[in-house]
Amino acid sequence: MKEEFAKQYITIGKNIRKFREEREWSQEDVANRCSVNAAKISKMENARVDYMLSSLLEVCKALGKDLEEVV
C-alpha cells in the first residue's frame, strides 16, 4: 500500500468493521454475501492490503452501505 493513502485505507477499514459489527456479523458472514473472501475482508479492515475498487464496492453492497458512507 502506498504510504500517501494509508490514512484513507485505515479509515475505510475502521468503517467496514464498524458497519459489520453493528450487524453482529463475522467477516465470514460478509464474505458469504459477496465475492470477497473473509481473509481479504480482514486485510481490508486492518489496512494491510491494496484492493480493487470492485472489491470495496462488493463489501459496501453486502453491508448495505454506499461507498460514500464507508470512505
PDB file of N, CA and C in Angstrom:
ATOM      1  N   MET A   1       0.840  -1.164   0.000  1.00  0.00           N
ATOM      2  CA  MET A   1       0.000   0.000   0.000  1.00  0.00           C
ATOM      3  C   MET A   1       0.891   1.234   0.000  1.00  0.00           C
ATOM      4  N   LYS A   2       0.511   2.209  -0.764  1.00  0.00           N
ATOM      5  CA  LYS A   2       1.281   3.445  -0.806  1.00  0.00           C
ATOM      6  C   LYS A   2       1.065   4.222   0.483  1.00  0.00           C
ATOM      7  N   GLU A   3       2.144   4.713   1.029  1.00  0.00           N
ATOM      8  CA  GLU A   3       2.087   5.454   2.299  1.00  0.00           C
ATOM      9  C   GLU A   3       1.167   6.677   2.213  1.00  0.00           C
ATOM     10  N   GLU A   4       1.142   7.315   1.053  1.00  0.00           N
ATOM     11  CA  GLU A   4       0.330   8.529   0.921  1.00  0.00           C
ATOM     12  C   GLU A   4      -1.164   8.258   1.065  1.00  0.00           C
ATOM     13  N   PHE A   5      -1.595   6.999   0.901  1.00  0.00           N
ATOM     14  CA  PHE A   5      -3.012   6.651   1.018  1.00  0.00           C
ATOM     15  C   PHE A   5      -3.326   5.882   2.293  1.00  0.00           C
ATOM     16  N   ALA A   6      -2.346   5.694   3.141  1.00  0.00           N
ATOM     17  CA  ALA A   6      -2.529   4.874   4.346  1.00  0.00           C
ATOM     18  C   ALA A   6      -3.675   5.372   5.220  1.00  0.00           C
ATOM     19  N   LYS A   7      -3.785   6.674   5.392  1.00  0.00           N
ATOM     20  CA  LYS A   7      -4.842   7.227   6.244  1.00  0.00           C
ATOM     21  C   LYS A   7      -6.226   6.851   5.710  1.00  0.00           C
ATOM     22  N   GLN A   8      -6.410   6.918   4.394  1.00  0.00           N
ATOM     23  CA  GLN A   8      -7.694   6.564   3.805  1.00  0.00           C
ATOM     24  C   GLN A   8      -7.996   5.077   3.976  1.00  0.00           C
ATOM     25  N   TYR A   9      -6.986   4.233   3.786  1.00  0.00           N
ATOM     26  CA  TYR A   9      -7.184   2.792   3.970  1.00  0.00           C
ATOM     27  C   TYR A   9      -7.566   2.482   5.418  1.00  0.00           C
ATOM     28  N   ILE A  10      -6.953   3.166   6.361  1.00  0.00           N
ATOM     29  CA  ILE A  10      -7.264   2.961   7.777  1.00  0.00           C
ATOM     30  C   ILE A  10      -8.700   3.369   8.066  1.00  0.00           C
ATOM     31  N   THR A  11      -9.121   4.522   7.561  1.00  0.00           N
ATOM     32  CA  THR A  11     -10.487   4.996   7.765  1.00  0.00           C
ATOM     33  C   THR A  11     -11.501   4.033   7.163  1.00  0.00           C
ATOM     34  N   ILE A  12     -11.255   3.598   5.955  1.00  0.00           N
ATOM     35  CA  ILE A  12     -12.157   2.655   5.287  1.00  0.00           C
ATOM     36  C   ILE A  12     -12.245   1.356   6.089  1.00  0.00           C
ATOM     37  N   GLY A  13     -11.112   0.854   6.532  1.00  0.00           N
ATOM     38  CA  GLY A  13     -11.094  -0.383   7.307  1.00  0.00           C
ATOM     39  C   GLY A  13     -11.881  -0.270   8.597  1.00  0.00           C
ATOM     40  N   LYS A  14     -11.708   0.842   9.296  1.00  0.00           N
ATOM     41  CA  LYS A  14     -12.456   1.061  10.539  1.00  0.00           C
ATOM     42  C   LYS A  14     -13.955   1.120  10.272  1.00  0.00           C
ATOM     43  N   ASN A  15     -14.336   1.769   9.195  1.00  0.00           N
ATOM     44  CA  ASN A  15     -15.757   1.873   8.870  1.00  0.00           C
ATOM     45  C   ASN A  15     -16.353   0.528   8.470  1.00  0.00           C
ATOM     46  N   ILE A  16     -15.616  -0.252   7.699  1.00  0.00           N
ATOM     47  CA  ILE A  16     -16.105  -1.586   7.339  1.00  0.00           C
ATOM     48  C   ILE A  16     -16.336  -2.399   8.607  1.00  0.00           C
ATOM     49  N   ARG A  17     -15.370  -2.391   9.509  1.00  0.00           N
ATOM     50  CA  ARG A  17     -15.505  -3.138  10.772  1.00  0.00           C
ATOM     51  C   ARG A  17     -16.710  -2.630  11.581  1.00  0.00           C
ATOM     52  N   LYS A  18     -16.854  -1.314  11.676  1.00  0.00           N
ATOM     53  CA  LYS A  18     -17.955  -0.729  12.446  1.00  0.00           C
ATOM     54  C   LYS A  18     -19.307  -1.185  11.899  1.00  0.00           C
ATOM     55  N   PHE A  19     -19.485  -1.085  10.587  1.00  0.00           N
ATOM     56  CA  PHE A  19     -20.762  -1.472   9.987  1.00  0.00           C
ATOM     57  C   PHE A  19     -20.995  -2.975  10.110  1.00  0.00           C
ATOM     58  N   ARG A  20     -19.941  -3.764   9.996  1.00  0.00           N
ATOM     59  CA  ARG A  20     -20.066  -5.220  10.145  1.00  0.00           C
ATOM     60  C   ARG A  20     -20.470  -5.565  11.574  1.00  0.00           C
ATOM     61  N   GLU A  21     -19.816  -4.963  12.543  1.00  0.00           N
ATOM     62  CA  GLU A  21     -20.113  -5.251  13.945  1.00  0.00           C
ATOM     63  C   GLU A  21     -21.488  -4.743  14.352  1.00  0.00           C
ATOM     64  N   GLU A  22     -21.951  -3.638  13.759  1.00  0.00           N
ATOM     65  CA  GLU A  22     -23.306  -3.152  14.033  1.00  0.00           C
ATOM     66  C   GLU A  22     -24.349  -4.204  13.675  1.00  0.00           C
ATOM     67  N   ARG A  23     -24.048  -4.986  12.660  1.00  0.00           N
ATOM     68  CA  ARG A  23     -24.953  -6.047  12.214  1.00  0.00           C
ATOM     69  C   ARG A  23     -24.711  -7.358  12.964  1.00  0.00           C
ATOM     70  N   GLU A  24     -23.678  -7.335  13.811  1.00  0.00           N
ATOM     71  CA  GLU A  24     -23.260  -8.535  14.547  1.00  0.00           C
ATOM     72  C   GLU A  24     -22.900  -9.671  13.589  1.00  0.00           C
ATOM     73  N   TRP A  25     -22.190  -9.295  12.519  1.00  0.00           N
ATOM     74  CA  TRP A  25     -21.735 -10.247  11.514  1.00  0.00           C
ATOM     75  C   TRP A  25     -20.254 -10.517  11.710  1.00  0.00           C
ATOM     76  N   SER A  26     -19.861 -11.729  11.399  1.00  0.00           N
ATOM     77  CA  SER A  26     -18.441 -12.061  11.338  1.00  0.00           C
ATOM     78  C   SER A  26     -17.923 -11.671   9.948  1.00  0.00           C
ATOM     79  N   GLN A  27     -16.625 -11.724   9.792  1.00  0.00           N
ATOM     80  CA  GLN A  27     -16.052 -11.469   8.469  1.00  0.00           C
ATOM     81  C   GLN A  27     -16.530 -12.531   7.484  1.00  0.00           C
ATOM     82  N   GLU A  28     -16.716 -13.727   7.974  1.00  0.00           N
ATOM     83  CA  GLU A  28     -17.228 -14.815   7.136  1.00  0.00           C
ATOM     84  C   GLU A  28     -18.661 -14.517   6.683  1.00  0.00           C
ATOM     85  N   ASP A  29     -19.467 -13.924   7.552  1.00  0.00           N
ATOM     86  CA  ASP A  29     -20.838 -13.546   7.174  1.00  0.00           C
ATOM     87  C   ASP A  29     -20.820 -12.557   6.015  1.00  0.00           C
ATOM     88  N   VAL A  30     -19.943 -11.570   6.086  1.00  0.00           N
ATOM     89  CA  VAL A  30     -19.833 -10.599   4.990  1.00  0.00           C
ATOM     90  C   VAL A  30     -19.360 -11.311   3.727  1.00  0.00           C
ATOM     91  N   ALA A  31     -18.369 -12.153   3.867  1.00  0.00           N
ATOM     92  CA  ALA A  31     -17.827 -12.883   2.715  1.00  0.00           C
ATOM     93  C   ALA A  31     -18.898 -13.720   2.025  1.00  0.00           C
ATOM     94  N   ASN A  32     -19.789 -14.299   2.809  1.00  0.00           N
ATOM     95  CA  ASN A  32     -20.860 -15.110   2.230  1.00  0.00           C
ATOM     96  C   ASN A  32     -21.877 -14.282   1.464  1.00  0.00           C
ATOM     97  N   ARG A  33     -21.867 -12.989   1.655  1.00  0.00           N
ATOM     98  CA  ARG A  33     -22.808 -12.093   0.983  1.00  0.00           C
ATOM     99  C   ARG A  33     -22.187 -11.390  -0.221  1.00  0.00           C
ATOM    100  N   CYS A  34     -20.917 -11.650  -0.488  1.00  0.00           N
ATOM    101  CA  CYS A  34     -20.260 -11.033  -1.641  1.00  0.00           C
ATOM    102  C   CYS A  34     -19.150 -11.946  -2.150  1.00  0.00           C
ATOM    103  N   SER A  35     -18.443 -11.488  -3.156  1.00  0.00           N
ATOM    104  CA  SER A  35     -17.407 -12.320  -3.772  1.00  0.00           C
ATOM    105  C   SER A  35     -16.010 -12.063  -3.195  1.00  0.00           C
ATOM    106  N   VAL A  36     -15.948 -11.446  -2.019  1.00  0.00           N
ATOM    107  CA  VAL A  36     -14.668 -11.173  -1.356  1.00  0.00           C
ATOM    108  C   VAL A  36     -14.538 -12.148  -0.198  1.00  0.00           C
ATOM    109  N   ASN A  37     -13.408 -12.858  -0.115  1.00  0.00           N
ATOM    110  CA  ASN A  37     -13.277 -13.852   0.949  1.00  0.00           C
ATOM    111  C   ASN A  37     -12.971 -13.200   2.302  1.00  0.00           C
ATOM    112  N   ALA A  38     -13.187 -13.964   3.369  1.00  0.00           N
ATOM    113  CA  ALA A  38     -13.035 -13.452   4.733  1.00  0.00           C
ATOM    114  C   ALA A  38     -11.611 -12.973   5.013  1.00  0.00           C
ATOM    115  N   ALA A  39     -10.617 -13.644   4.473  1.00  0.00           N
ATOM    116  CA  ALA A  39      -9.226 -13.231   4.692  1.00  0.00           C
ATOM    117  C   ALA A  39      -8.979 -11.839   4.113  1.00  0.00           C
ATOM    118  N   LYS A  40      -9.545 -11.570   2.944  1.00  0.00           N
ATOM    119  CA  LYS A  40      -9.370 -10.252   2.328  1.00  0.00           C
ATOM    120  C   LYS A  40     -10.127  -9.189   3.117  1.00  0.00           C
ATOM    121  N   ILE A  41     -11.298  -9.531   3.623  1.00  0.00           N
ATOM    122  CA  ILE A  41     -12.050  -8.580   4.446  1.00  0.00           C
ATOM    123  C   ILE A  41     -11.241  -8.229   5.692  1.00  0.00           C
ATOM    124  N   SER A  42     -10.602  -9.218   6.291  1.00  0.00           N
ATOM    125  CA  SER A  42      -9.732  -8.968   7.444  1.00  0.00           C
ATOM    126  C   SER A  42      -8.610  -8.007   7.068  1.00  0.00           C
ATOM    127  N   LYS A  43      -7.996  -8.245   5.942  1.00  0.00           N
ATOM    128  CA  LYS A  43      -6.908  -7.381   5.488  1.00  0.00           C
ATOM    129  C   LYS A  43      -7.408  -5.973   5.176  1.00  0.00           C
ATOM    130  N   MET A  44      -8.615  -5.864   4.630  1.00  0.00           N
ATOM    131  CA  MET A  44      -9.198  -4.550   4.355  1.00  0.00           C
ATOM    132  C   MET A  44      -9.451  -3.806   5.670  1.00  0.00           C
ATOM    133  N   GLU A  45     -10.044  -4.506   6.640  1.00  0.00           N
ATOM    134  CA  GLU A  45     -10.354  -3.878   7.924  1.00  0.00           C
ATOM    135  C   GLU A  45      -9.097  -3.406   8.652  1.00  0.00           C
ATOM    136  N   ASN A  46      -8.003  -4.115   8.464  1.00  0.00           N
ATOM    137  CA  ASN A  46      -6.757  -3.789   9.147  1.00  0.00           C
ATOM    138  C   ASN A  46      -5.778  -3.009   8.280  1.00  0.00           C
ATOM    139  N   ALA A  47      -6.248  -2.535   7.132  1.00  0.00           N
ATOM    140  CA  ALA A  47      -5.444  -1.717   6.210  1.00  0.00           C
ATOM    141  C   ALA A  47      -4.106  -2.371   5.886  1.00  0.00           C
ATOM    142  N   ARG A  48      -4.144  -3.677   5.588  1.00  0.00           N
ATOM    143  CA  ARG A  48      -2.914  -4.397   5.297  1.00  0.00           C
ATOM    144  C   ARG A  48      -2.754  -4.767   3.835  1.00  0.00           C
ATOM    145  N   VAL A  49      -3.636  -4.276   2.989  1.00  0.00           N
ATOM    146  CA  VAL A  49      -3.560  -4.682   1.594  1.00  0.00           C
ATOM    147  C   VAL A  49      -4.166  -3.603   0.699  1.00  0.00           C
ATOM    148  N   ASP A  50      -3.603  -3.467  -0.490  1.00  0.00           N
ATOM    149  CA  ASP A  50      -4.261  -2.685  -1.539  1.00  0.00           C
ATOM    150  C   ASP A  50      -5.376  -3.566  -2.087  1.00  0.00           C
ATOM    151  N   TYR A  51      -6.458  -2.972  -2.487  1.00  0.00           N
ATOM    152  CA  TYR A  51      -7.537  -3.763  -3.064  1.00  0.00           C
ATOM    153  C   TYR A  51      -8.190  -2.959  -4.179  1.00  0.00           C
ATOM    154  N   MET A  52      -8.856  -3.671  -5.030  1.00  0.00           N
ATOM    155  CA  MET A  52      -9.510  -3.041  -6.169  1.00  0.00           C
ATOM    156  C   MET A  52     -10.807  -2.391  -5.709  1.00  0.00           C
ATOM    157  N   LEU A  53     -11.194  -1.366  -6.407  1.00  0.00           N
ATOM    158  CA  LEU A  53     -12.445  -0.680  -6.122  1.00  0.00           C
ATOM    159  C   LEU A  53     -13.613  -1.656  -6.171  1.00  0.00           C
ATOM    160  N   SER A  54     -13.579  -2.594  -7.098  1.00  0.00           N
ATOM    161  CA  SER A  54     -14.682  -3.559  -7.214  1.00  0.00           C
ATOM    162  C   SER A  54     -14.831  -4.378  -5.932  1.00  0.00           C
ATOM    163  N   SER A  55     -13.724  -4.718  -5.274  1.00  0.00           N
ATOM    164  CA  SER A  55     -13.799  -5.448  -4.002  1.00  0.00           C
ATOM    165  C   SER A  55     -14.451  -4.586  -2.928  1.00  0.00           C
ATOM    166  N   LEU A  56     -14.061  -3.334  -2.861  1.00  0.00           N
ATOM    167  CA  LEU A  56     -14.645  -2.416  -1.892  1.00  0.00           C
ATOM    168  C   LEU A  56     -16.140  -2.242  -2.157  1.00  0.00           C
ATOM    169  N   LEU A  57     -16.520  -2.110  -3.409  1.00  0.00           N
ATOM    170  CA  LEU A  57     -17.930  -1.958  -3.759  1.00  0.00           C
ATOM    171  C   LEU A  57     -18.733  -3.202  -3.386  1.00  0.00           C
ATOM    172  N   GLU A  58     -18.145  -4.371  -3.556  1.00  0.00           N
ATOM    173  CA  GLU A  58     -18.808  -5.620  -3.158  1.00  0.00           C
ATOM    174  C   GLU A  58     -19.079  -5.635  -1.662  1.00  0.00           C
ATOM    175  N   VAL A  59     -18.093  -5.248  -0.879  1.00  0.00           N
ATOM    176  CA  VAL A  59     -18.240  -5.222   0.576  1.00  0.00           C
ATOM    177  C   VAL A  59     -19.287  -4.187   0.978  1.00  0.00           C
ATOM    178  N   CYS A  60     -19.251  -3.013   0.364  1.00  0.00           N
ATOM    179  CA  CYS A  60     -20.250  -1.984   0.652  1.00  0.00           C
ATOM    180  C   CYS A  60     -21.651  -2.506   0.370  1.00  0.00           C
ATOM    181  N   LYS A  61     -21.822  -3.159  -0.763  1.00  0.00           N
ATOM    182  CA  LYS A  61     -23.128  -3.700  -1.127  1.00  0.00           C
ATOM    183  C   LYS A  61     -23.591  -4.731  -0.100  1.00  0.00           C
ATOM    184  N   ALA A  62     -22.692  -5.618   0.313  1.00  0.00           N
ATOM    185  CA  ALA A  62     -23.034  -6.640   1.299  1.00  0.00           C
ATOM    186  C   ALA A  62     -23.462  -6.015   2.621  1.00  0.00           C
ATOM    187  N   LEU A  63     -22.839  -4.900   2.979  1.00  0.00           N
ATOM    188  CA  LEU A  63     -23.155  -4.211   4.231  1.00  0.00           C
ATOM    189  C   LEU A  63     -24.352  -3.267   4.093  1.00  0.00           C
ATOM    190  N   GLY A  64     -24.842  -3.092   2.874  1.00  0.00           N
ATOM    191  CA  GLY A  64     -25.976  -2.210   2.637  1.00  0.00           C
ATOM    192  C   GLY A  64     -25.603  -0.737   2.773  1.00  0.00           C
ATOM    193  N   LYS A  65     -24.361  -0.408   2.432  1.00  0.00           N
ATOM    194  CA  LYS A  65     -23.871   0.954   2.548  1.00  0.00           C
ATOM    195  C   LYS A  65     -23.411   1.468   1.194  1.00  0.00           C
ATOM    196  N   ASP A  66     -23.547   2.777   0.997  1.00  0.00           N
ATOM    197  CA  ASP A  66     -22.985   3.421  -0.182  1.00  0.00           C
ATOM    198  C   ASP A  66     -21.496   3.632   0.047  1.00  0.00           C
ATOM    199  N   LEU A  67     -20.755   3.715  -1.035  1.00  0.00           N
ATOM    200  CA  LEU A  67     -19.317   3.952  -0.947  1.00  0.00           C
ATOM    201  C   LEU A  67     -19.002   5.181  -0.115  1.00  0.00           C
ATOM    202  N   GLU A  68     -19.780   6.218  -0.282  1.00  0.00           N
ATOM    203  CA  GLU A  68     -19.547   7.469   0.448  1.00  0.00           C
ATOM    204  C   GLU A  68     -19.639   7.296   1.960  1.00  0.00           C
ATOM    205  N   GLU A  69     -20.440   6.355   2.419  1.00  0.00           N
ATOM    206  CA  GLU A  69     -20.579   6.116   3.851  1.00  0.00           C
ATOM    207  C   GLU A  69     -19.359   5.404   4.431  1.00  0.00           C
ATOM    208  N   VAL A  70     -18.661   4.671   3.615  1.00  0.00           N
ATOM    209  CA  VAL A  70     -17.509   3.889   4.061  1.00  0.00           C
ATOM    210  C   VAL A  70     -16.226   4.695   3.959  1.00  0.00           C
ATOM    211  N   VAL A  71     -16.146   5.543   2.961  1.00  0.00           N
ATOM    212  CA  VAL A  71     -14.945   6.348   2.737  1.00  0.00           C
ATOM    213  C   VAL A  71     -14.973   7.509   3.619  1.00  0.00           C
TER     214      VAL A  71
END
